[in-house]
């Protein structure tokens, strides 16, 4: 370990930047992360909002169903068969669908919504607003801290998703960045598809690929940091 790099070069970055296959994997990961995060936030908030209502019929039953999924799951093989019946194998949408909603995130969002005064909704109803308009124009804007917190959790999880991408995405054109990085580290990169990257799979190329893969999260985190602590504390402590 050296405090100052010895014989500093950018050759490894030049190699990976020239690889079209790496940018394909980069684009796939970006698509999964952006689309998956937006849809997951929408479903999580729309699930938590009615559960926060004291007047919701069968509320305890719905909460029991949500909590049940935190303890029990279908398992890998049944989930794979469901994805196969939905024709989502070897599709980027398989990773998005599998991560659309999380019981833990629903509970965090539910706890935050409960802190919003009900008088705001009552006054909006008096003015003629329906529940859908109240949800999108009042509730969601007030939930920015917890939404930013959940967005960061979801984005990091989707961006680093390796196992599901490895299982459900078999086509090289649909490969994501974590799977590609694993192949580079293991020396299993296809020379025809990757060109120079296969011949130069040294420690420097591996390190450069890791740095490039961290850039999107490093760019997003500073904008969400100011909401992170507030959203996590309110969503957990008050819950």
C-alpha atoms as a PDB file:
ATOM      1  CA  UNK A   1       0.000   0.000   0.000  1.00  0.00           C
ATOM      2  CA  UNK A   2       1.316   3.419  -0.998  1.00  0.00           C
ATOM      3  CA  UNK A   3       0.021   6.833  -0.042  1.00  0.00           C
ATOM      4  CA  UNK A   4       0.920   8.126  -3.514  1.00  0.00           C
ATOM      5  CA  UNK A   5       0.442   5.981  -6.657  1.00  0.00           C
ATOM      6  CA  UNK A   6       3.648   4.608  -8.132  1.00  0.00           C
ATOM      7  CA  UNK A   7       3.996   4.774 -11.925  1.00  0.00           C
ATOM      8  CA  UNK A   8       0.472   6.171 -12.331  1.00  0.00           C
ATOM      9  CA  UNK A   9      -1.147   5.319 -15.683  1.00  0.00           C
ATOM     10  CA  UNK A  10      -4.583   5.472 -17.293  1.00  0.00           C
ATOM     11  CA  UNK A  11      -4.043   2.548 -19.675  1.00  0.00           C
ATOM     12  CA  UNK A  12      -6.576   0.360 -17.863  1.00  0.00           C
ATOM     13  CA  UNK A  13      -9.276   3.019 -18.207  1.00  0.00           C
ATOM     14  CA  UNK A  14      -8.513   3.379 -21.916  1.00  0.00           C
ATOM     15  CA  UNK A  15      -8.962  -0.382 -22.335  1.00  0.00           C
ATOM     16  CA  UNK A  16     -12.341  -0.609 -20.613  1.00  0.00           C
ATOM     17  CA  UNK A  17     -13.674   2.579 -22.227  1.00  0.00           C
ATOM     18  CA  UNK A  18     -12.998   1.127 -25.687  1.00  0.00           C
ATOM     19  CA  UNK A  19     -15.016  -2.007 -24.881  1.00  0.00           C
ATOM     20  CA  UNK A  20     -18.522  -1.818 -26.349  1.00  0.00           C
ATOM     21  CA  UNK A  21     -19.535  -4.874 -24.349  1.00  0.00           C
ATOM     22  CA  UNK A  22     -18.773  -3.151 -21.067  1.00  0.00           C
ATOM     23  CA  UNK A  23     -20.950  -0.185 -22.039  1.00  0.00           C
ATOM     24  CA  UNK A  24     -23.759  -2.597 -22.925  1.00  0.00           C
ATOM     25  CA  UNK A  25     -23.540  -4.069 -19.426  1.00  0.00           C
ATOM     26  CA  UNK A  26     -23.362  -0.523 -18.027  1.00  0.00           C
ATOM     27  CA  UNK A  27     -26.529   0.456 -19.893  1.00  0.00           C
ATOM     28  CA  UNK A  28     -28.358  -2.662 -18.707  1.00  0.00           C
ATOM     29  CA  UNK A  29     -27.473  -1.925 -15.089  1.00  0.00           C
ATOM     30  CA  UNK A  30     -28.550   1.705 -15.453  1.00  0.00           C
ATOM     31  CA  UNK A  31     -31.894   0.672 -16.970  1.00  0.00           C
ATOM     32  CA  UNK A  32     -32.577  -1.844 -14.192  1.00  0.00           C
ATOM     33  CA  UNK A  33     -31.565   0.623 -11.471  1.00  0.00           C
ATOM     34  CA  UNK A  34     -33.483   3.668 -12.731  1.00  0.00           C
ATOM     35  CA  UNK A  35     -36.685   1.950 -13.872  1.00  0.00           C
ATOM     36  CA  UNK A  36     -36.654  -0.489 -10.945  1.00  0.00           C
ATOM     37  CA  UNK A  37     -36.173   2.262  -8.360  1.00  0.00           C
ATOM     38  CA  UNK A  38     -38.957   4.467  -9.771  1.00  0.00           C
ATOM     39  CA  UNK A  39     -41.469   1.613 -10.007  1.00  0.00           C
ATOM     40  CA  UNK A  40     -40.490   0.243  -6.594  1.00  0.00           C
ATOM     41  CA  UNK A  41     -40.992   3.654  -4.965  1.00  0.00           C
ATOM     42  CA  UNK A  42     -44.408   3.981  -6.602  1.00  0.00           C
ATOM     43  CA  UNK A  43     -45.589   0.537  -5.498  1.00  0.00           C
ATOM     44  CA  UNK A  44     -44.099   0.831  -2.014  1.00  0.00           C
ATOM     45  CA  UNK A  45     -45.711   4.201  -1.319  1.00  0.00           C
ATOM     46  CA  UNK A  46     -49.064   3.203  -2.841  1.00  0.00           C
ATOM     47  CA  UNK A  47     -49.079   0.070  -0.667  1.00  0.00           C
ATOM     48  CA  UNK A  48     -48.113   1.855   2.529  1.00  0.00           C
ATOM     49  CA  UNK A  49     -50.588   4.739   2.122  1.00  0.00           C
ATOM     50  CA  UNK A  50     -53.827   2.753   2.529  1.00  0.00           C
ATOM     51  CA  UNK A  51     -52.281   0.626   5.293  1.00  0.00           C
ATOM     52  CA  UNK A  52     -51.722   3.838   7.265  1.00  0.00           C
ATOM     53  CA  UNK A  53     -55.466   4.483   7.356  1.00  0.00           C
ATOM     54  CA  UNK A  54     -57.250   3.517  10.548  1.00  0.00           C
ATOM     55  CA  UNK A  55     -60.507   3.016   8.636  1.00  0.00           C
ATOM     56  CA  UNK A  56     -59.081   0.462   6.177  1.00  0.00           C
ATOM     57  CA  UNK A  57     -61.197  -2.749   6.228  1.00  0.00           C
ATOM     58  CA  UNK A  58     -59.263  -5.921   7.124  1.00  0.00           C
ATOM     59  CA  UNK A  59     -56.224  -3.815   7.934  1.00  0.00           C
ATOM     60  CA  UNK A  60     -54.780  -6.387  10.340  1.00  0.00           C
ATOM     61  CA  UNK A  61     -55.102  -9.123   7.744  1.00  0.00           C
ATOM     62  CA  UNK A  62     -53.259  -7.063   5.130  1.00  0.00           C
ATOM     63  CA  UNK A  63     -50.510  -6.219   7.613  1.00  0.00           C
ATOM     64  CA  UNK A  64     -50.207  -9.898   8.499  1.00  0.00           C
ATOM     65  CA  UNK A  65     -49.781 -10.755   4.815  1.00  0.00           C
ATOM     66  CA  UNK A  66     -47.065  -8.112   4.445  1.00  0.00           C
ATOM     67  CA  UNK A  67     -45.215  -9.319   7.552  1.00  0.00           C
ATOM     68  CA  UNK A  68     -45.587 -12.951   6.433  1.00  0.00           C
ATOM     69  CA  UNK A  69     -43.460 -12.265   3.360  1.00  0.00           C
ATOM     70  CA  UNK A  70     -40.600 -11.060   5.579  1.00  0.00           C
ATOM     71  CA  UNK A  71     -40.349 -14.500   7.190  1.00  0.00           C
ATOM     72  CA  UNK A  72     -41.346 -16.912   4.422  1.00  0.00           C
ATOM     73  CA  UNK A  73     -40.650 -16.891   0.695  1.00  0.00           C
ATOM     74  CA  UNK A  74     -41.300 -19.206  -2.217  1.00  0.00           C
ATOM     75  CA  UNK A  75     -37.640 -20.076  -2.706  1.00  0.00           C
ATOM     76  CA  UNK A  76     -35.401 -20.014  -5.740  1.00  0.00           C
ATOM     77  CA  UNK A  77     -36.901 -22.830  -7.815  1.00  0.00           C
ATOM     78  CA  UNK A  78     -40.588 -21.782  -7.500  1.00  0.00           C
ATOM     79  CA  UNK A  79     -39.607 -18.184  -8.216  1.00  0.00           C
ATOM     80  CA  UNK A  80     -37.665 -19.256 -11.291  1.00  0.00           C
ATOM     81  CA  UNK A  81     -40.660 -21.262 -12.541  1.00  0.00           C
ATOM     82  CA  UNK A  82     -42.930 -18.236 -12.051  1.00  0.00           C
ATOM     83  CA  UNK A  83     -40.517 -16.043 -14.019  1.00  0.00           C
ATOM     84  CA  UNK A  84     -40.405 -18.697 -16.729  1.00  0.00           C
ATOM     85  CA  UNK A  85     -44.214 -18.827 -16.981  1.00  0.00           C
ATOM     86  CA  UNK A  86     -44.246 -15.037 -17.223  1.00  0.00           C
ATOM     87  CA  UNK A  87     -41.718 -15.259 -20.092  1.00  0.00           C
ATOM     88  CA  UNK A  88     -39.286 -13.046 -18.197  1.00  0.00           C
ATOM     89  CA  UNK A  89     -36.258 -15.338 -18.329  1.00  0.00           C
ATOM     90  CA  UNK A  90     -33.372 -13.586 -20.078  1.00  0.00           C
ATOM     91  CA  UNK A  91     -35.167 -10.259 -19.773  1.00  0.00           C
ATOM     92  CA  UNK A  92     -34.091  -7.187 -17.814  1.00  0.00           C
ATOM     93  CA  UNK A  93     -37.648  -6.922 -16.527  1.00  0.00           C
ATOM     94  CA  UNK A  94     -37.125 -10.107 -14.511  1.00  0.00           C
ATOM     95  CA  UNK A  95     -34.745  -8.287 -12.153  1.00  0.00           C
ATOM     96  CA  UNK A  96     -37.089  -5.303 -11.941  1.00  0.00           C
ATOM     97  CA  UNK A  97     -40.184  -7.405 -11.199  1.00  0.00           C
ATOM     98  CA  UNK A  98     -38.401  -9.434  -8.511  1.00  0.00           C
ATOM     99  CA  UNK A  99     -37.478  -6.239  -6.644  1.00  0.00           C
ATOM    100  CA  UNK A 100     -40.634  -4.172  -7.123  1.00  0.00           C
ATOM    101  CA  UNK A 101     -41.687  -4.251  -3.481  1.00  0.00           C
ATOM    102  CA  UNK A 102     -40.200  -5.118  -0.121  1.00  0.00           C
ATOM    103  CA  UNK A 103     -42.097  -5.655   3.116  1.00  0.00           C
ATOM    104  CA  UNK A 104     -39.381  -3.858   5.087  1.00  0.00           C
ATOM    105  CA  UNK A 105     -39.569  -0.796   2.832  1.00  0.00           C
ATOM    106  CA  UNK A 106     -43.362  -0.798   3.101  1.00  0.00           C
ATOM    107  CA  UNK A 107     -43.147  -0.739   6.897  1.00  0.00           C
ATOM    108  CA  UNK A 108     -40.616   2.118   6.843  1.00  0.00           C
ATOM    109  CA  UNK A 109     -42.833   4.092   4.462  1.00  0.00           C
ATOM    110  CA  UNK A 110     -45.925   3.268   6.524  1.00  0.00           C
ATOM    111  CA  UNK A 111     -44.309   4.552   9.704  1.00  0.00           C
ATOM    112  CA  UNK A 112     -43.417   7.834   8.013  1.00  0.00           C
ATOM    113  CA  UNK A 113     -46.900   8.392   6.548  1.00  0.00           C
ATOM    114  CA  UNK A 114     -48.418   7.927   9.997  1.00  0.00           C
ATOM    115  CA  UNK A 115     -46.558  11.045  11.162  1.00  0.00           C
ATOM    116  CA  UNK A 116     -48.415  13.217   8.616  1.00  0.00           C
ATOM    117  CA  UNK A 117     -51.416  14.962  10.240  1.00  0.00           C
ATOM    118  CA  UNK A 118     -54.760  13.650   9.033  1.00  0.00           C
ATOM    119  CA  UNK A 119     -56.136  17.189   9.070  1.00  0.00           C
ATOM    120  CA  UNK A 120     -54.228  17.898   5.850  1.00  0.00           C
ATOM    121  CA  UNK A 121     -56.155  15.193   4.023  1.00  0.00           C
ATOM    122  CA  UNK A 122     -59.458  16.220   5.577  1.00  0.00           C
ATOM    123  CA  UNK A 123     -59.040  19.822   4.430  1.00  0.00           C
ATOM    124  CA  UNK A 124     -58.129  18.628   0.930  1.00  0.00           C
ATOM    125  CA  UNK A 125     -61.252  16.437   0.813  1.00  0.00           C
ATOM    126  CA  UNK A 126     -63.368  19.424   1.802  1.00  0.00           C
ATOM    127  CA  UNK A 127     -61.893  21.285  -1.160  1.00  0.00           C
ATOM    128  CA  UNK A 128     -62.968  18.422  -3.429  1.00  0.00           C
ATOM    129  CA  UNK A 129     -59.724  16.455  -3.833  1.00  0.00           C
ATOM    130  CA  UNK A 130     -60.066  12.692  -4.312  1.00  0.00           C
ATOM    131  CA  UNK A 131     -57.747  10.149  -2.605  1.00  0.00           C
ATOM    132  CA  UNK A 132     -55.552   9.756  -5.695  1.00  0.00           C
ATOM    133  CA  UNK A 133     -54.962  13.493  -5.974  1.00  0.00           C
ATOM    134  CA  UNK A 134     -54.294  13.739  -2.238  1.00  0.00           C
ATOM    135  CA  UNK A 135     -51.750  10.944  -2.508  1.00  0.00           C
ATOM    136  CA  UNK A 136     -49.786  12.481  -5.377  1.00  0.00           C
ATOM    137  CA  UNK A 137     -50.052  16.176  -4.469  1.00  0.00           C
ATOM    138  CA  UNK A 138     -49.918  16.092  -0.659  1.00  0.00           C
ATOM    139  CA  UNK A 139     -48.622  12.796   0.713  1.00  0.00           C
ATOM    140  CA  UNK A 140     -45.737  12.115  -1.682  1.00  0.00           C
ATOM    141  CA  UNK A 141     -44.269  15.660  -1.519  1.00  0.00           C
ATOM    142  CA  UNK A 142     -44.273  15.440   2.288  1.00  0.00           C
ATOM    143  CA  UNK A 143     -42.544  12.037   2.095  1.00  0.00           C
ATOM    144  CA  UNK A 144     -39.433  13.301   0.316  1.00  0.00           C
ATOM    145  CA  UNK A 145     -37.036  12.313   3.161  1.00  0.00           C
ATOM    146  CA  UNK A 146     -38.205   8.716   3.343  1.00  0.00           C
ATOM    147  CA  UNK A 147     -38.560   8.463  -0.441  1.00  0.00           C
ATOM    148  CA  UNK A 148     -34.957   9.614  -0.855  1.00  0.00           C
ATOM    149  CA  UNK A 149     -33.826   7.105   1.753  1.00  0.00           C
ATOM    150  CA  UNK A 150     -35.683   4.223   0.136  1.00  0.00           C
ATOM    151  CA  UNK A 151     -34.508   5.324  -3.311  1.00  0.00           C
ATOM    152  CA  UNK A 152     -30.893   5.092  -2.179  1.00  0.00           C
ATOM    153  CA  UNK A 153     -31.431   1.650  -0.662  1.00  0.00           C
ATOM    154  CA  UNK A 154     -33.208   0.383  -3.764  1.00  0.00           C
ATOM    155  CA  UNK A 155     -30.751   1.895  -6.222  1.00  0.00           C
ATOM    156  CA  UNK A 156     -27.712   0.444  -4.464  1.00  0.00           C
ATOM    157  CA  UNK A 157     -29.405  -2.954  -4.191  1.00  0.00           C
ATOM    158  CA  UNK A 158     -30.367  -3.041  -7.873  1.00  0.00           C
ATOM    159  CA  UNK A 159     -27.027  -1.688  -9.075  1.00  0.00           C
ATOM    160  CA  UNK A 160     -25.110  -4.353  -7.115  1.00  0.00           C
ATOM    161  CA  UNK A 161     -27.573  -7.144  -7.882  1.00  0.00           C
ATOM    162  CA  UNK A 162     -25.412 -10.085  -8.923  1.00  0.00           C
ATOM    163  CA  UNK A 163     -27.173 -13.308  -7.988  1.00  0.00           C
ATOM    164  CA  UNK A 164     -30.513 -12.644  -9.694  1.00  0.00           C
ATOM    165  CA  UNK A 165     -28.779 -11.280 -12.791  1.00  0.00           C
ATOM    166  CA  UNK A 166     -26.569 -14.370 -12.878  1.00  0.00           C
ATOM    167  CA  UNK A 167     -29.597 -16.692 -12.622  1.00  0.00           C
ATOM    168  CA  UNK A 168     -32.148 -15.010 -14.888  1.00  0.00           C
ATOM    169  CA  UNK A 169     -30.019 -13.264 -17.535  1.00  0.00           C
ATOM    170  CA  UNK A 170     -28.198 -15.699 -19.805  1.00  0.00           C
ATOM    171  CA  UNK A 171     -27.810 -13.669 -22.982  1.00  0.00           C
ATOM    172  CA  UNK A 172     -24.571 -11.706 -23.220  1.00  0.00           C
ATOM    173  CA  UNK A 173     -26.505  -8.722 -24.567  1.00  0.00           C
ATOM    174  CA  UNK A 174     -28.458  -8.610 -21.269  1.00  0.00           C
ATOM    175  CA  UNK A 175     -25.486  -9.033 -18.947  1.00  0.00           C
ATOM    176  CA  UNK A 176     -25.260  -6.524 -16.111  1.00  0.00           C
ATOM    177  CA  UNK A 177     -22.167  -4.860 -14.712  1.00  0.00           C
ATOM    178  CA  UNK A 178     -21.807  -7.025 -11.543  1.00  0.00           C
ATOM    179  CA  UNK A 179     -21.905 -10.226 -13.621  1.00  0.00           C
ATOM    180  CA  UNK A 180     -19.409  -8.805 -16.102  1.00  0.00           C
ATOM    181  CA  UNK A 181     -17.121  -7.698 -13.272  1.00  0.00           C
ATOM    182  CA  UNK A 182     -17.239 -11.185 -11.813  1.00  0.00           C
ATOM    183  CA  UNK A 183     -16.251 -12.686 -15.162  1.00  0.00           C
ATOM    184  CA  UNK A 184     -13.361 -10.245 -15.514  1.00  0.00           C
ATOM    185  CA  UNK A 185     -12.085 -11.120 -12.029  1.00  0.00           C
ATOM    186  CA  UNK A 186     -12.480 -14.862 -12.715  1.00  0.00           C
ATOM    187  CA  UNK A 187     -10.831 -14.552 -16.121  1.00  0.00           C
ATOM    188  CA  UNK A 188     -13.909 -15.881 -17.900  1.00  0.00           C
ATOM    189  CA  UNK A 189     -14.416 -13.019 -20.332  1.00  0.00           C
ATOM    190  CA  UNK A 190     -15.217 -13.908 -23.924  1.00  0.00           C
ATOM    191  CA  UNK A 191     -12.307 -12.653 -26.045  1.00  0.00           C
ATOM    192  CA  UNK A 192     -14.476 -12.234 -29.156  1.00  0.00           C
ATOM    193  CA  UNK A 193     -17.014 -10.119 -27.309  1.00  0.00           C
ATOM    194  CA  UNK A 194     -14.626  -8.090 -25.162  1.00  0.00           C
ATOM    195  CA  UNK A 195     -11.616  -7.683 -27.416  1.00  0.00           C
ATOM    196  CA  UNK A 196      -8.672  -6.185 -25.566  1.00  0.00           C
ATOM    197  CA  UNK A 197     -10.318  -6.544 -22.188  1.00  0.00           C
ATOM    198  CA  UNK A 198      -9.842 -10.304 -22.127  1.00  0.00           C
ATOM    199  CA  UNK A 199      -6.161 -10.105 -22.966  1.00  0.00           C
ATOM    200  CA  UNK A 200      -5.569  -7.388 -20.378  1.00  0.00           C
ATOM    201  CA  UNK A 201      -7.574  -8.763 -17.459  1.00  0.00           C
ATOM    202  CA  UNK A 202      -4.958  -7.709 -14.955  1.00  0.00           C
ATOM    203  CA  UNK A 203      -5.378  -6.241 -11.511  1.00  0.00           C
ATOM    204  CA  UNK A 204      -5.316  -2.732 -12.965  1.00  0.00           C
ATOM    205  CA  UNK A 205      -8.202  -3.483 -15.344  1.00  0.00           C
ATOM    206  CA  UNK A 206     -10.195  -5.093 -12.536  1.00  0.00           C
ATOM    207  CA  UNK A 207      -9.603  -2.072 -10.280  1.00  0.00           C
ATOM    208  CA  UNK A 208     -10.508   0.345 -13.085  1.00  0.00           C
ATOM    209  CA  UNK A 209     -13.748  -1.540 -13.782  1.00  0.00           C
ATOM    210  CA  UNK A 210     -14.667  -1.412 -10.091  1.00  0.00           C
ATOM    211  CA  UNK A 211     -14.048   2.344  -9.987  1.00  0.00           C
ATOM    212  CA  UNK A 212     -16.163   2.907 -13.106  1.00  0.00           C
ATOM    213  CA  UNK A 213     -18.969   0.805 -11.606  1.00  0.00           C
ATOM    214  CA  UNK A 214     -18.986   2.982  -8.461  1.00  0.00           C
ATOM    215  CA  UNK A 215     -19.369   6.301 -10.291  1.00  0.00           C
ATOM    216  CA  UNK A 216     -23.230   6.376 -10.564  1.00  0.00           C
ATOM    217  CA  UNK A 217     -23.778   5.663  -6.861  1.00  0.00           C
ATOM    218  CA  UNK A 218     -21.090   8.183  -5.874  1.00  0.00           C
ATOM    219  CA  UNK A 219     -22.835  10.796  -8.027  1.00  0.00           C
ATOM    220  CA  UNK A 220     -26.289  10.140  -6.569  1.00  0.00           C
ATOM    221  CA  UNK A 221     -25.414   9.837  -2.884  1.00  0.00           C
ATOM    222  CA  UNK A 222     -24.451  13.511  -2.218  1.00  0.00           C
ATOM    223  CA  UNK A 223     -27.892  14.663  -3.419  1.00  0.00           C
ATOM    224  CA  UNK A 224     -29.720  12.178  -1.178  1.00  0.00           C
ATOM    225  CA  UNK A 225     -27.484  12.400   1.885  1.00  0.00           C
ATOM    226  CA  UNK A 226     -29.345  15.302   3.491  1.00  0.00           C
ATOM    227  CA  UNK A 227     -32.586  13.287   3.417  1.00  0.00           C
ATOM    228  CA  UNK A 228     -31.023   9.987   4.446  1.00  0.00           C
ATOM    229  CA  UNK A 229     -30.666  10.398   8.227  1.00  0.00           C
ATOM    230  CA  UNK A 230     -34.053  12.115   8.651  1.00  0.00           C
ATOM    231  CA  UNK A 231     -35.886   9.523   6.570  1.00  0.00           C
ATOM    232  CA  UNK A 232     -34.247   6.544   8.248  1.00  0.00           C
ATOM    233  CA  UNK A 233     -34.755   7.867  11.794  1.00  0.00           C
ATOM    234  CA  UNK A 234     -38.405   8.887  11.359  1.00  0.00           C
ATOM    235  CA  UNK A 235     -39.267   5.711   9.479  1.00  0.00           C
ATOM    236  CA  UNK A 236     -37.732   3.469  12.129  1.00  0.00           C
ATOM    237  CA  UNK A 237     -37.909   5.171  15.535  1.00  0.00           C
ATOM    238  CA  UNK A 238     -41.445   6.514  15.258  1.00  0.00           C
ATOM    239  CA  UNK A 239     -42.579   3.230  13.765  1.00  0.00           C
END
